[in-house]
Amino acid sequence: MMIYDMEASGKRLKALRKQAEKTQEQVAETVGLEPGTISRIERGIKGPSIETLLLFSDVYRVSTDYILKGNEIKSESNALLKDLEAVLQKYKSM
């Protein structure tokens, strides 16, 4: 039986937000929450609702499984996106 770790999930969300170079205020506006609520979720004090979890998944372009458990889903579409990003980076550096 797996137990949900709100603190670890919050840390992943904070890391995703920082990786996306967004403030808590920007994310809060995007998902329709108060900045304080984003802060509590990121600190593991409060868990996101299912609706908010789905919004985070869309905003950060990761699976809900990754947010909740830290598991990255390996799929052909993810691999293709990574390949396309690599090609784009090479093209930009020319």
PDB file of N, CA and C in Angstrom:
ATOM      1  N   MET A   1       0.851  -1.188   0.000  1.00  0.00           N
ATOM      2  CA  MET A   1       0.000   0.000   0.000  1.00  0.00           C
ATOM      3  C   MET A   1       0.893   1.246   0.000  1.00  0.00           C
ATOM      4  N   MET A   2       0.613   2.157  -0.914  1.00  0.00           N
ATOM      5  CA  MET A   2       1.396   3.380  -1.002  1.00  0.00           C
ATOM      6  C   MET A   2       0.663   4.517  -0.306  1.00  0.00           C
ATOM      7  N   ILE A   3       1.389   5.308   0.443  1.00  0.00           N
ATOM      8  CA  ILE A   3       0.811   6.464   1.127  1.00  0.00           C
ATOM      9  C   ILE A   3       1.236   7.715   0.373  1.00  0.00           C
ATOM     10  N   TYR A   4       0.267   8.611   0.162  1.00  0.00           N
ATOM     11  CA  TYR A   4       0.536   9.858  -0.553  1.00  0.00           C
ATOM     12  C   TYR A   4       1.400  10.775   0.311  1.00  0.00           C
ATOM     13  N   ASP A   5       2.498  11.248  -0.229  1.00  0.00           N
ATOM     14  CA  ASP A   5       3.427  12.131   0.473  1.00  0.00           C
ATOM     15  C   ASP A   5       3.214  13.559  -0.034  1.00  0.00           C
ATOM     16  N   MET A   6       2.401  14.331   0.726  1.00  0.00           N
ATOM     17  CA  MET A   6       2.084  15.701   0.305  1.00  0.00           C
ATOM     18  C   MET A   6       3.322  16.579   0.241  1.00  0.00           C
ATOM     19  N   GLU A   7       4.256  16.364   1.157  1.00  0.00           N
ATOM     20  CA  GLU A   7       5.455  17.200   1.187  1.00  0.00           C
ATOM     21  C   GLU A   7       6.308  16.970  -0.067  1.00  0.00           C
ATOM     22  N   ALA A   8       6.512  15.711  -0.432  1.00  0.00           N
ATOM     23  CA  ALA A   8       7.303  15.397  -1.626  1.00  0.00           C
ATOM     24  C   ALA A   8       6.602  15.906  -2.885  1.00  0.00           C
ATOM     25  N   SER A   9       5.294  15.760  -2.925  1.00  0.00           N
ATOM     26  CA  SER A   9       4.517  16.245  -4.064  1.00  0.00           C
ATOM     27  C   SER A   9       4.643  17.767  -4.178  1.00  0.00           C
ATOM     28  N   GLY A  10       4.562  18.445  -3.046  1.00  0.00           N
ATOM     29  CA  GLY A  10       4.709  19.899  -3.029  1.00  0.00           C
ATOM     30  C   GLY A  10       6.076  20.342  -3.511  1.00  0.00           C
ATOM     31  N   LYS A  11       7.111  19.596  -3.109  1.00  0.00           N
ATOM     32  CA  LYS A  11       8.467  19.918  -3.562  1.00  0.00           C
ATOM     33  C   LYS A  11       8.592  19.763  -5.074  1.00  0.00           C
ATOM     34  N   ARG A  12       7.949  18.719  -5.616  1.00  0.00           N
ATOM     35  CA  ARG A  12       7.982  18.543  -7.075  1.00  0.00           C
ATOM     36  C   ARG A  12       7.274  19.712  -7.770  1.00  0.00           C
ATOM     37  N   LEU A  13       6.128  20.124  -7.215  1.00  0.00           N
ATOM     38  CA  LEU A  13       5.405  21.247  -7.818  1.00  0.00           C
ATOM     39  C   LEU A  13       6.226  22.531  -7.755  1.00  0.00           C
ATOM     40  N   LYS A  14       6.900  22.756  -6.642  1.00  0.00           N
ATOM     41  CA  LYS A  14       7.740  23.949  -6.520  1.00  0.00           C
ATOM     42  C   LYS A  14       8.874  23.900  -7.543  1.00  0.00           C
ATOM     43  N   ALA A  15       9.506  22.739  -7.675  1.00  0.00           N
ATOM     44  CA  ALA A  15      10.600  22.593  -8.649  1.00  0.00           C
ATOM     45  C   ALA A  15      10.090  22.818 -10.073  1.00  0.00           C
ATOM     46  N   LEU A  16       8.906  22.292 -10.375  1.00  0.00           N
ATOM     47  CA  LEU A  16       8.322  22.492 -11.705  1.00  0.00           C
ATOM     48  C   LEU A  16       8.032  23.968 -11.955  1.00  0.00           C
ATOM     49  N   ARG A  17       7.529  24.655 -10.930  1.00  0.00           N
ATOM     50  CA  ARG A  17       7.225  26.092 -11.073  1.00  0.00           C
ATOM     51  C   ARG A  17       8.509  26.866 -11.336  1.00  0.00           C
ATOM     52  N   LYS A  18       9.543  26.569 -10.577  1.00  0.00           N
ATOM     53  CA  LYS A  18      10.812  27.278 -10.759  1.00  0.00           C
ATOM     54  C   LYS A  18      11.423  26.969 -12.125  1.00  0.00           C
ATOM     55  N   GLN A  19      11.311  25.707 -12.552  1.00  0.00           N
ATOM     56  CA  GLN A  19      11.809  25.318 -13.873  1.00  0.00           C
ATOM     57  C   GLN A  19      11.076  26.093 -14.970  1.00  0.00           C
ATOM     58  N   ALA A  20       9.789  26.345 -14.748  1.00  0.00           N
ATOM     59  CA  ALA A  20       8.989  27.097 -15.716  1.00  0.00           C
ATOM     60  C   ALA A  20       9.193  28.609 -15.572  1.00  0.00           C
ATOM     61  N   GLU A  21      10.019  29.004 -14.602  1.00  0.00           N
ATOM     62  CA  GLU A  21      10.312  30.416 -14.335  1.00  0.00           C
ATOM     63  C   GLU A  21       9.039  31.219 -14.086  1.00  0.00           C
ATOM     64  N   LYS A  22       8.178  30.670 -13.233  1.00  0.00           N
ATOM     65  CA  LYS A  22       6.924  31.332 -12.869  1.00  0.00           C
ATOM     66  C   LYS A  22       6.919  31.623 -11.377  1.00  0.00           C
ATOM     67  N   THR A  23       6.227  32.677 -10.997  1.00  0.00           N
ATOM     68  CA  THR A  23       6.047  32.991  -9.581  1.00  0.00           C
ATOM     69  C   THR A  23       4.802  32.277  -9.075  1.00  0.00           C
ATOM     70  N   GLN A  24       4.671  32.209  -7.754  1.00  0.00           N
ATOM     71  CA  GLN A  24       3.468  31.623  -7.177  1.00  0.00           C
ATOM     72  C   GLN A  24       2.236  32.421  -7.613  1.00  0.00           C
ATOM     73  N   GLU A  25       2.391  33.722  -7.725  1.00  0.00           N
ATOM     74  CA  GLU A  25       1.280  34.577  -8.144  1.00  0.00           C
ATOM     75  C   GLU A  25       0.841  34.244  -9.574  1.00  0.00           C
ATOM     76  N   GLN A  26       1.800  34.026 -10.463  1.00  0.00           N
ATOM     77  CA  GLN A  26       1.471  33.699 -11.853  1.00  0.00           C
ATOM     78  C   GLN A  26       0.753  32.356 -11.940  1.00  0.00           C
ATOM     79  N   VAL A  27       1.246  31.372 -11.209  1.00  0.00           N
ATOM     80  CA  VAL A  27       0.613  30.048 -11.218  1.00  0.00           C
ATOM     81  C   VAL A  27      -0.783  30.146 -10.610  1.00  0.00           C
ATOM     82  N   ALA A  28      -0.893  30.885  -9.520  1.00  0.00           N
ATOM     83  CA  ALA A  28      -2.193  31.042  -8.857  1.00  0.00           C
ATOM     84  C   ALA A  28      -3.219  31.624  -9.819  1.00  0.00           C
ATOM     85  N   GLU A  29      -2.823  32.627 -10.566  1.00  0.00           N
ATOM     86  CA  GLU A  29      -3.741  33.238 -11.532  1.00  0.00           C
ATOM     87  C   GLU A  29      -4.128  32.242 -12.624  1.00  0.00           C
ATOM     88  N   THR A  30      -3.171  31.458 -13.077  1.00  0.00           N
ATOM     89  CA  THR A  30      -3.422  30.487 -14.140  1.00  0.00           C
ATOM     90  C   THR A  30      -4.395  29.400 -13.707  1.00  0.00           C
ATOM     91  N   VAL A  31      -4.235  28.912 -12.473  1.00  0.00           N
ATOM     92  CA  VAL A  31      -5.075  27.800 -12.016  1.00  0.00           C
ATOM     93  C   VAL A  31      -6.276  28.253 -11.194  1.00  0.00           C
ATOM     94  N   GLY A  32      -6.398  29.559 -10.958  1.00  0.00           N
ATOM     95  CA  GLY A  32      -7.574  30.083 -10.258  1.00  0.00           C
ATOM     96  C   GLY A  32      -7.548  29.908  -8.755  1.00  0.00           C
ATOM     97  N   LEU A  33      -6.365  29.996  -8.167  1.00  0.00           N
ATOM     98  CA  LEU A  33      -6.225  29.898  -6.719  1.00  0.00           C
ATOM     99  C   LEU A  33      -5.538  31.142  -6.177  1.00  0.00           C
ATOM    100  N   GLU A  34      -5.528  31.271  -4.863  1.00  0.00           N
ATOM    101  CA  GLU A  34      -4.805  32.351  -4.212  1.00  0.00           C
ATOM    102  C   GLU A  34      -3.321  31.966  -4.105  1.00  0.00           C
ATOM    103  N   PRO A  35      -2.412  32.943  -4.161  1.00  0.00           N
ATOM    104  CA  PRO A  35      -0.995  32.633  -4.011  1.00  0.00           C
ATOM    105  C   PRO A  35      -0.687  31.891  -2.703  1.00  0.00           C
ATOM    106  N   GLY A  36      -1.393  32.223  -1.648  1.00  0.00           N
ATOM    107  CA  GLY A  36      -1.190  31.538  -0.371  1.00  0.00           C
ATOM    108  C   GLY A  36      -1.520  30.058  -0.451  1.00  0.00           C
ATOM    109  N   THR A  37      -2.513  29.720  -1.266  1.00  0.00           N
ATOM    110  CA  THR A  37      -2.879  28.314  -1.448  1.00  0.00           C
ATOM    111  C   THR A  37      -1.770  27.587  -2.200  1.00  0.00           C
ATOM    112  N   ILE A  38      -1.198  28.231  -3.207  1.00  0.00           N
ATOM    113  CA  ILE A  38      -0.073  27.639  -3.940  1.00  0.00           C
ATOM    114  C   ILE A  38       1.082  27.396  -2.966  1.00  0.00           C
ATOM    115  N   SER A  39       1.347  28.362  -2.105  1.00  0.00           N
ATOM    116  CA  SER A  39       2.409  28.232  -1.116  1.00  0.00           C
ATOM    117  C   SER A  39       2.163  27.042  -0.195  1.00  0.00           C
ATOM    118  N   ARG A  40       0.943  26.887   0.313  1.00  0.00           N
ATOM    119  CA  ARG A  40       0.622  25.775   1.211  1.00  0.00           C
ATOM    120  C   ARG A  40       0.749  24.428   0.497  1.00  0.00           C
ATOM    121  N   ILE A  41       0.345  24.377  -0.776  1.00  0.00           N
ATOM    122  CA  ILE A  41       0.486  23.131  -1.538  1.00  0.00           C
ATOM    123  C   ILE A  41       1.963  22.803  -1.727  1.00  0.00           C
ATOM    124  N   GLU A  42       2.772  23.800  -2.097  1.00  0.00           N
ATOM    125  CA  GLU A  42       4.199  23.571  -2.333  1.00  0.00           C
ATOM    126  C   GLU A  42       4.940  23.186  -1.054  1.00  0.00           C
ATOM    127  N   ARG A  43       4.467  23.646   0.099  1.00  0.00           N
ATOM    128  CA  ARG A  43       5.106  23.293   1.371  1.00  0.00           C
ATOM    129  C   ARG A  43       4.580  21.983   1.942  1.00  0.00           C
ATOM    130  N   GLY A  44       3.588  21.388   1.273  1.00  0.00           N
ATOM    131  CA  GLY A  44       3.062  20.108   1.725  1.00  0.00           C
ATOM    132  C   GLY A  44       2.085  20.211   2.872  1.00  0.00           C
ATOM    133  N   ILE A  45       1.573  21.398   3.108  1.00  0.00           N
ATOM    134  CA  ILE A  45       0.598  21.602   4.176  1.00  0.00           C
ATOM    135  C   ILE A  45      -0.793  21.234   3.696  1.00  0.00           C
ATOM    136  N   LYS A  46      -1.036  21.444   2.410  1.00  0.00           N
ATOM    137  CA  LYS A  46      -2.349  21.184   1.798  1.00  0.00           C
ATOM    138  C   LYS A  46      -2.119  20.416   0.506  1.00  0.00           C
ATOM    139  N   GLY A  47      -2.974  19.467   0.247  1.00  0.00           N
ATOM    140  CA  GLY A  47      -2.906  18.738  -1.012  1.00  0.00           C
ATOM    141  C   GLY A  47      -3.805  19.399  -2.048  1.00  0.00           C
ATOM    142  N   PRO A  48      -3.453  19.294  -3.324  1.00  0.00           N
ATOM    143  CA  PRO A  48      -4.295  19.881  -4.360  1.00  0.00           C
ATOM    144  C   PRO A  48      -5.559  19.040  -4.569  1.00  0.00           C
ATOM    145  N   SER A  49      -6.638  19.708  -4.952  1.00  0.00           N
ATOM    146  CA  SER A  49      -7.848  18.973  -5.343  1.00  0.00           C
ATOM    147  C   SER A  49      -7.558  18.254  -6.653  1.00  0.00           C
ATOM    148  N   ILE A  50      -8.422  17.352  -7.021  1.00  0.00           N
ATOM    149  CA  ILE A  50      -8.233  16.640  -8.293  1.00  0.00           C
ATOM    150  C   ILE A  50      -8.247  17.633  -9.449  1.00  0.00           C
ATOM    151  N   GLU A  51      -9.157  18.587  -9.397  1.00  0.00           N
ATOM    152  CA  GLU A  51      -9.236  19.601 -10.460  1.00  0.00           C
ATOM    153  C   GLU A  51      -7.930  20.393 -10.541  1.00  0.00           C
ATOM    154  N   THR A  52      -7.405  20.804  -9.393  1.00  0.00           N
ATOM    155  CA  THR A  52      -6.161  21.568  -9.365  1.00  0.00           C
ATOM    156  C   THR A  52      -4.994  20.711  -9.829  1.00  0.00           C
ATOM    157  N   LEU A  53      -4.979  19.453  -9.443  1.00  0.00           N
ATOM    158  CA  LEU A  53      -3.946  18.528  -9.884  1.00  0.00           C
ATOM    159  C   LEU A  53      -3.917  18.444 -11.409  1.00  0.00           C
ATOM    160  N   LEU A  54      -5.096  18.339 -12.016  1.00  0.00           N
ATOM    161  CA  LEU A  54      -5.178  18.283 -13.479  1.00  0.00           C
ATOM    162  C   LEU A  54      -4.695  19.588 -14.112  1.00  0.00           C
ATOM    163  N   LEU A  55      -5.017  20.711 -13.482  1.00  0.00           N
ATOM    164  CA  LEU A  55      -4.547  22.002 -13.995  1.00  0.00           C
ATOM    165  C   LEU A  55      -3.024  22.103 -13.906  1.00  0.00           C
ATOM    166  N   PHE A  56      -2.448  21.682 -12.762  1.00  0.00           N
ATOM    167  CA  PHE A  56      -0.988  21.672 -12.628  1.00  0.00           C
ATOM    168  C   PHE A  56      -0.361  20.804 -13.712  1.00  0.00           C
ATOM    169  N   SER A  57      -0.969  19.657 -13.965  1.00  0.00           N
ATOM    170  CA  SER A  57      -0.467  18.740 -14.987  1.00  0.00           C
ATOM    171  C   SER A  57      -0.426  19.427 -16.348  1.00  0.00           C
ATOM    172  N   ASP A  58      -1.466  20.180 -16.673  1.00  0.00           N
ATOM    173  CA  ASP A  58      -1.505  20.906 -17.948  1.00  0.00           C
ATOM    174  C   ASP A  58      -0.493  22.046 -17.972  1.00  0.00           C
ATOM    175  N   VAL A  59      -0.430  22.819 -16.901  1.00  0.00           N
ATOM    176  CA  VAL A  59       0.456  23.981 -16.843  1.00  0.00           C
ATOM    177  C   VAL A  59       1.917  23.564 -16.985  1.00  0.00           C
ATOM    178  N   TYR A  60       2.300  22.499 -16.255  1.00  0.00           N
ATOM    179  CA  TYR A  60       3.704  22.080 -16.260  1.00  0.00           C
ATOM    180  C   TYR A  60       4.010  20.987 -17.279  1.00  0.00           C
ATOM    181  N   ARG A  61       2.993  20.520 -17.978  1.00  0.00           N
ATOM    182  CA  ARG A  61       3.157  19.495 -19.018  1.00  0.00           C
ATOM    183  C   ARG A  61       3.842  18.230 -18.488  1.00  0.00           C
ATOM    184  N   VAL A  62       3.329  17.782 -17.349  1.00  0.00           N
ATOM    185  CA  VAL A  62       3.793  16.523 -16.757  1.00  0.00           C
ATOM    186  C   VAL A  62       2.565  15.696 -16.409  1.00  0.00           C
ATOM    187  N   SER A  63       2.778  14.427 -16.139  1.00  0.00           N
ATOM    188  CA  SER A  63       1.650  13.574 -15.766  1.00  0.00           C
ATOM    189  C   SER A  63       1.245  13.828 -14.314  1.00  0.00           C
ATOM    190  N   THR A  64       0.005  13.526 -14.011  1.00  0.00           N
ATOM    191  CA  THR A  64      -0.449  13.611 -12.622  1.00  0.00           C
ATOM    192  C   THR A  64       0.314  12.592 -11.774  1.00  0.00           C
ATOM    193  N   ASP A  65       0.680  11.483 -12.370  1.00  0.00           N
ATOM    194  CA  ASP A  65       1.452  10.463 -11.678  1.00  0.00           C
ATOM    195  C   ASP A  65       2.785  11.036 -11.213  1.00  0.00           C
ATOM    196  N   TYR A  66       3.408  11.848 -12.056  1.00  0.00           N
ATOM    197  CA  TYR A  66       4.675  12.467 -11.660  1.00  0.00           C
ATOM    198  C   TYR A  66       4.462  13.409 -10.475  1.00  0.00           C
ATOM    199  N   ILE A  67       3.430  14.227 -10.529  1.00  0.00           N
ATOM    200  CA  ILE A  67       3.166  15.168  -9.439  1.00  0.00           C
ATOM    201  C   ILE A  67       2.908  14.416  -8.140  1.00  0.00           C
ATOM    202  N   LEU A  68       2.080  13.385  -8.199  1.00  0.00           N
ATOM    203  CA  LEU A  68       1.696  12.663  -6.991  1.00  0.00           C
ATOM    204  C   LEU A  68       2.774  11.731  -6.463  1.00  0.00           C
ATOM    205  N   LYS A  69       3.443  11.008  -7.366  1.00  0.00           N
ATOM    206  CA  LYS A  69       4.367   9.960  -6.923  1.00  0.00           C
ATOM    207  C   LYS A  69       5.803  10.135  -7.395  1.00  0.00           C
ATOM    208  N   GLY A  70       6.040  11.048  -8.305  1.00  0.00           N
ATOM    209  CA  GLY A  70       7.394  11.239  -8.808  1.00  0.00           C
ATOM    210  C   GLY A  70       7.753  10.314  -9.942  1.00  0.00           C
ATOM    211  N   ASN A  71       6.780   9.565 -10.444  1.00  0.00           N
ATOM    212  CA  ASN A  71       7.027   8.633 -11.547  1.00  0.00           C
ATOM    213  C   ASN A  71       6.828   9.339 -12.873  1.00  0.00           C
ATOM    214  N   GLU A  72       7.847   9.275 -13.709  1.00  0.00           N
ATOM    215  CA  GLU A  72       7.697   9.819 -15.048  1.00  0.00           C
ATOM    216  C   GLU A  72       7.195   8.714 -15.951  1.00  0.00           C
ATOM    217  N   ILE A  73       6.192   9.041 -16.734  1.00  0.00           N
ATOM    218  CA  ILE A  73       5.660   8.068 -17.681  1.00  0.00           C
ATOM    219  C   ILE A  73       6.470   8.168 -18.962  1.00  0.00           C
ATOM    220  N   LYS A  74       7.030   7.071 -19.356  1.00  0.00           N
ATOM    221  CA  LYS A  74       7.791   7.019 -20.599  1.00  0.00           C
ATOM    222  C   LYS A  74       6.826   6.676 -21.725  1.00  0.00           C
ATOM    223  N   SER A  75       6.641   7.581 -22.619  1.00  0.00           N
ATOM    224  CA  SER A  75       5.759   7.308 -23.746  1.00  0.00           C
ATOM    225  C   SER A  75       6.432   7.787 -25.024  1.00  0.00           C
ATOM    226  N   GLU A  76       5.934   7.288 -26.118  1.00  0.00           N
ATOM    227  CA  GLU A  76       6.497   7.686 -27.406  1.00  0.00           C
ATOM    228  C   GLU A  76       6.340   9.179 -27.631  1.00  0.00           C
ATOM    229  N   SER A  77       5.215   9.749 -27.193  1.00  0.00           N
ATOM    230  CA  SER A  77       4.999  11.174 -27.419  1.00  0.00           C
ATOM    231  C   SER A  77       5.985  12.003 -26.601  1.00  0.00           C
ATOM    232  N   ASN A  78       6.286  11.572 -25.362  1.00  0.00           N
ATOM    233  CA  ASN A  78       7.273  12.292 -24.556  1.00  0.00           C
ATOM    234  C   ASN A  78       8.649  12.204 -25.199  1.00  0.00           C
ATOM    235  N   ALA A  79       9.012  11.033 -25.677  1.00  0.00           N
ATOM    236  CA  ALA A  79      10.308  10.854 -26.330  1.00  0.00           C
ATOM    237  C   ALA A  79      10.391  11.706 -27.584  1.00  0.00           C
ATOM    238  N   LEU A  80       9.320  11.751 -28.349  1.00  0.00           N
ATOM    239  CA  LEU A  80       9.292  12.558 -29.563  1.00  0.00           C
ATOM    240  C   LEU A  80       9.435  14.036 -29.238  1.00  0.00           C
ATOM    241  N   LEU A  81       8.746  14.497 -28.192  1.00  0.00           N
ATOM    242  CA  LEU A  81       8.862  15.898 -27.790  1.00  0.00           C
ATOM    243  C   LEU A  81      10.293  16.243 -27.396  1.00  0.00           C
ATOM    244  N   LYS A  82      10.936  15.347 -26.662  1.00  0.00           N
ATOM    245  CA  LYS A  82      12.321  15.597 -26.261  1.00  0.00           C
ATOM    246  C   LYS A  82      13.235  15.649 -27.482  1.00  0.00           C
ATOM    247  N   ASP A  83      13.005  14.769 -28.448  1.00  0.00           N
ATOM    248  CA  ASP A  83      13.790  14.782 -29.682  1.00  0.00           C
ATOM    249  C   ASP A  83      13.580  16.083 -30.452  1.00  0.00           C
ATOM    250  N   LEU A  84      12.340  16.526 -30.526  1.00  0.00           N
ATOM    251  CA  LEU A  84      12.040  17.774 -31.231  1.00  0.00           C
ATOM    252  C   LEU A  84      12.671  18.977 -30.529  1.00  0.00           C
ATOM    253  N   GLU A  85      12.661  18.967 -29.206  1.00  0.00           N
ATOM    254  CA  GLU A  85      13.298  20.048 -28.453  1.00  0.00           C
ATOM    255  C   GLU A  85      14.798  20.085 -28.722  1.00  0.00           C
ATOM    256  N   ALA A  86      15.423  18.917 -28.795  1.00  0.00           N
ATOM    257  CA  ALA A  86      16.858  18.846 -29.077  1.00  0.00           C
ATOM    258  C   ALA A  86      17.170  19.396 -30.462  1.00  0.00           C
ATOM    259  N   VAL A  87      16.358  19.032 -31.447  1.00  0.00           N
ATOM    260  CA  VAL A  87      16.541  19.540 -32.819  1.00  0.00           C
ATOM    261  C   VAL A  87      16.360  21.056 -32.840  1.00  0.00           C
ATOM    262  N   LEU A  88      15.361  21.545 -32.133  1.00  0.00           N
ATOM    263  CA  LEU A  88      15.100  22.977 -32.081  1.00  0.00           C
ATOM    264  C   LEU A  88      16.273  23.720 -31.450  1.00  0.00           C
ATOM    265  N   GLN A  89      16.835  23.165 -30.395  1.00  0.00           N
ATOM    266  CA  GLN A  89      17.990  23.798 -29.743  1.00  0.00           C
ATOM    267  C   GLN A  89      19.182  23.852 -30.695  1.00  0.00           C
ATOM    268  N   LYS A  90      19.407  22.786 -31.442  1.00  0.00           N
ATOM    269  CA  LYS A  90      20.501  22.764 -32.406  1.00  0.00           C
ATOM    270  C   LYS A  90      20.274  23.819 -33.484  1.00  0.00           C
ATOM    271  N   TYR A  91      19.029  23.931 -33.943  1.00  0.00           N
ATOM    272  CA  TYR A  91      18.688  24.896 -34.972  1.00  0.00           C
ATOM    273  C   TYR A  91      18.901  26.324 -34.465  1.00  0.00           C
ATOM    274  N   LYS A  92      18.507  26.580 -33.218  1.00  0.00           N
ATOM    275  CA  LYS A  92      18.664  27.917 -32.638  1.00  0.00           C
ATOM    276  C   LYS A  92      20.132  28.297 -32.486  1.00  0.00           C
ATOM    277  N   SER A  93      20.984  27.315 -32.252  1.00  0.00           N
ATOM    278  CA  SER A  93      22.403  27.608 -32.038  1.00  0.00           C
ATOM    279  C   SER A  93      23.186  27.781 -33.342  1.00  0.00           C
ATOM    280  N   MET A  94      22.542  27.592 -34.478  1.00  0.00           N
ATOM    281  CA  MET A  94      23.235  27.729 -35.767  1.00  0.00           C
ATOM    282  C   MET A  94      23.438  29.181 -36.119  1.00  0.00           C
TER     283      MET A  94
END
